[in-house]
Protein backbone atom coordinates (compact mmCIF):
# COMPACT_ATOMS: atom_id res chain seq x y z
CA UNK A 1 -17.59 7.43 1.41
CA UNK A 2 -17.21 6.30 -2.18
CA UNK A 3 -18.60 2.89 -3.03
CA UNK A 4 -17.73 0.66 -5.96
CA UNK A 5 -20.12 -2.16 -6.78
CA UNK A 6 -19.21 -4.92 -9.22
CA UNK A 7 -21.65 -7.05 -11.15
CA UNK A 8 -21.71 -9.46 -14.06
CA UNK A 9 -19.75 -12.39 -12.70
CA UNK A 10 -20.85 -15.98 -13.08
CA UNK A 11 -20.11 -19.33 -14.62
CA UNK A 12 -18.89 -19.46 -18.21
CA UNK A 13 -17.44 -22.21 -20.35
CA UNK A 14 -13.87 -22.02 -21.60
CA UNK A 15 -13.78 -19.84 -24.70
CA UNK A 16 -16.85 -17.93 -23.59
CA UNK A 17 -17.33 -14.26 -22.77
CA UNK A 18 -18.38 -12.20 -19.79
CA UNK A 19 -18.87 -8.52 -19.24
CA UNK A 20 -18.24 -7.17 -15.77
CA UNK A 21 -19.45 -3.78 -14.67
CA UNK A 22 -18.32 -1.52 -11.83
CA UNK A 23 -20.73 1.18 -10.70
CA UNK A 24 -19.32 4.06 -8.66
CA UNK A 25 -21.32 6.12 -6.18
CA UNK A 26 -19.34 9.20 -7.22
CA UNK A 27 -18.24 10.72 -10.50
CA UNK A 28 -15.53 8.48 -11.92
CA UNK A 29 -13.70 11.62 -13.08
CA UNK A 30 -12.51 12.00 -9.47
CA UNK A 31 -10.39 8.88 -9.92
CA UNK A 32 -7.21 9.43 -11.89
CA UNK A 33 -7.15 5.70 -12.56
CA UNK A 34 -9.76 2.96 -12.39
CA UNK A 35 -9.09 -0.67 -12.95
CA UNK A 36 -9.95 -4.29 -12.57
CA UNK A 37 -7.93 -6.78 -10.58
CA UNK A 38 -8.46 -10.46 -9.85
CA UNK A 39 -7.51 -12.86 -7.13
CA UNK A 40 -7.57 -16.61 -7.57
CA UNK A 41 -7.68 -18.93 -4.55
CA UNK A 42 -4.29 -19.11 -2.89
CA UNK A 43 -2.81 -16.43 -5.14
CA UNK A 44 -2.05 -12.74 -4.87
CA UNK A 45 -4.32 -10.13 -6.34
CA UNK A 46 -3.14 -9.17 -9.82
CA UNK A 47 -3.83 -6.46 -12.34
CA UNK A 48 -6.17 -7.20 -15.23
CA UNK A 49 -6.59 -3.76 -16.80
CA UNK A 50 -6.68 -0.06 -15.94
CA UNK A 51 -8.06 3.07 -17.54
CA UNK A 52 -6.91 6.59 -16.75
CA UNK A 53 -8.91 9.81 -16.72
CA UNK A 54 -7.87 10.87 -20.20
CA UNK A 55 -8.60 7.48 -21.71
CA UNK A 56 -5.27 5.70 -21.71
CA UNK A 57 -5.51 2.01 -20.94
CA UNK A 58 -3.16 -0.69 -19.74
CA UNK A 59 -3.57 -4.44 -19.85
CA UNK A 60 -1.83 -7.40 -18.30
CA UNK A 61 0.00 -9.36 -20.99
CA UNK A 62 -2.23 -12.38 -20.39
CA UNK A 63 -5.32 -10.47 -21.47
CA UNK A 64 -4.11 -8.41 -24.41
CA UNK A 65 -6.33 -8.89 -27.43
CA UNK A 66 -9.06 -10.62 -25.42
CA UNK A 67 -9.93 -8.18 -22.67
CA UNK A 68 -11.20 -4.62 -23.07
CA UNK A 69 -11.73 -2.04 -20.35
CA UNK A 70 -14.04 0.90 -20.95
CA UNK A 71 -15.45 3.78 -18.95
CA UNK A 72 -18.75 5.61 -19.21
CA UNK A 73 -18.53 8.95 -17.44
CA UNK A 74 -22.25 9.63 -17.89
CA UNK A 75 -23.16 6.43 -16.06
CA UNK A 76 -20.14 6.44 -13.74
CA UNK A 77 -19.29 2.89 -14.69
CA UNK A 78 -16.20 1.01 -15.76
CA UNK A 79 -16.76 -2.21 -17.67
CA UNK A 80 -14.52 -5.16 -18.41
CA UNK A 81 -15.30 -7.20 -21.52
CA UNK A 82 -13.58 -10.57 -21.40
CA UNK A 83 -13.54 -12.89 -24.40
CA UNK A 84 -12.04 -16.34 -25.01
CA UNK A 85 -11.92 -16.96 -21.30
CA UNK A 86 -9.61 -19.62 -19.91
CA UNK A 87 -10.05 -21.84 -16.83
CA UNK A 88 -7.02 -20.24 -15.21
CA UNK A 89 -8.89 -16.93 -15.22
CA UNK A 90 -11.26 -18.23 -12.58
CA UNK A 91 -11.05 -15.73 -9.76
CA UNK A 92 -12.77 -13.04 -7.78
CA UNK A 93 -12.65 -9.84 -9.81
CA UNK A 94 -12.37 -6.50 -8.06
CA UNK A 95 -12.91 -2.95 -9.19
CA UNK A 96 -10.47 -0.31 -7.99
CA UNK A 97 -10.51 3.46 -8.07
CA UNK A 98 -7.44 5.55 -7.23
CA UNK A 99 -7.88 9.13 -6.04
CA UNK A 100 -5.03 9.76 -3.63
CA UNK A 101 -6.40 6.87 -1.64
CA UNK A 102 -7.60 3.63 -3.14
CA UNK A 103 -11.12 2.31 -3.17
CA UNK A 104 -12.16 -1.31 -3.71
CA UNK A 105 -15.41 -3.01 -4.46
CA UNK A 106 -16.56 -6.20 -2.79
CA UNK A 107 -15.73 -8.34 -5.81
CA UNK A 108 -17.62 -10.54 -8.22
CA UNK A 109 -16.83 -14.19 -8.82
CA UNK A 110 -15.93 -15.51 -12.25
CA UNK A 111 -15.73 -19.25 -12.82
CA UNK A 112 -14.48 -20.57 -16.15
CA UNK A 113 -15.30 -24.24 -16.34
CA UNK A 114 -16.97 -26.81 -18.52
């Protein structure tokens, strides 16, 4: 059973930065796509960013220019660097890996507040 474990969440002031990390218990090369999603209270889970096996990336429009997803195949991690954070980005952030079936981590909480 593949496990994804997120870390790096916390409280940050508006305009601040956070770096989230997702550690996989298996080689991330087995996932054709890995990504980060978020879910705010009372809202549906939404895409933040994805990265595919051969390096292509995709970002939600709201994060373009401020959010960067990266993968480290040697460490089997996928990181999410978030800059200039906004209060409306407060949410639980989830790591996802797609390999025929989808795998989800348990989530890490991000609170953007002064």
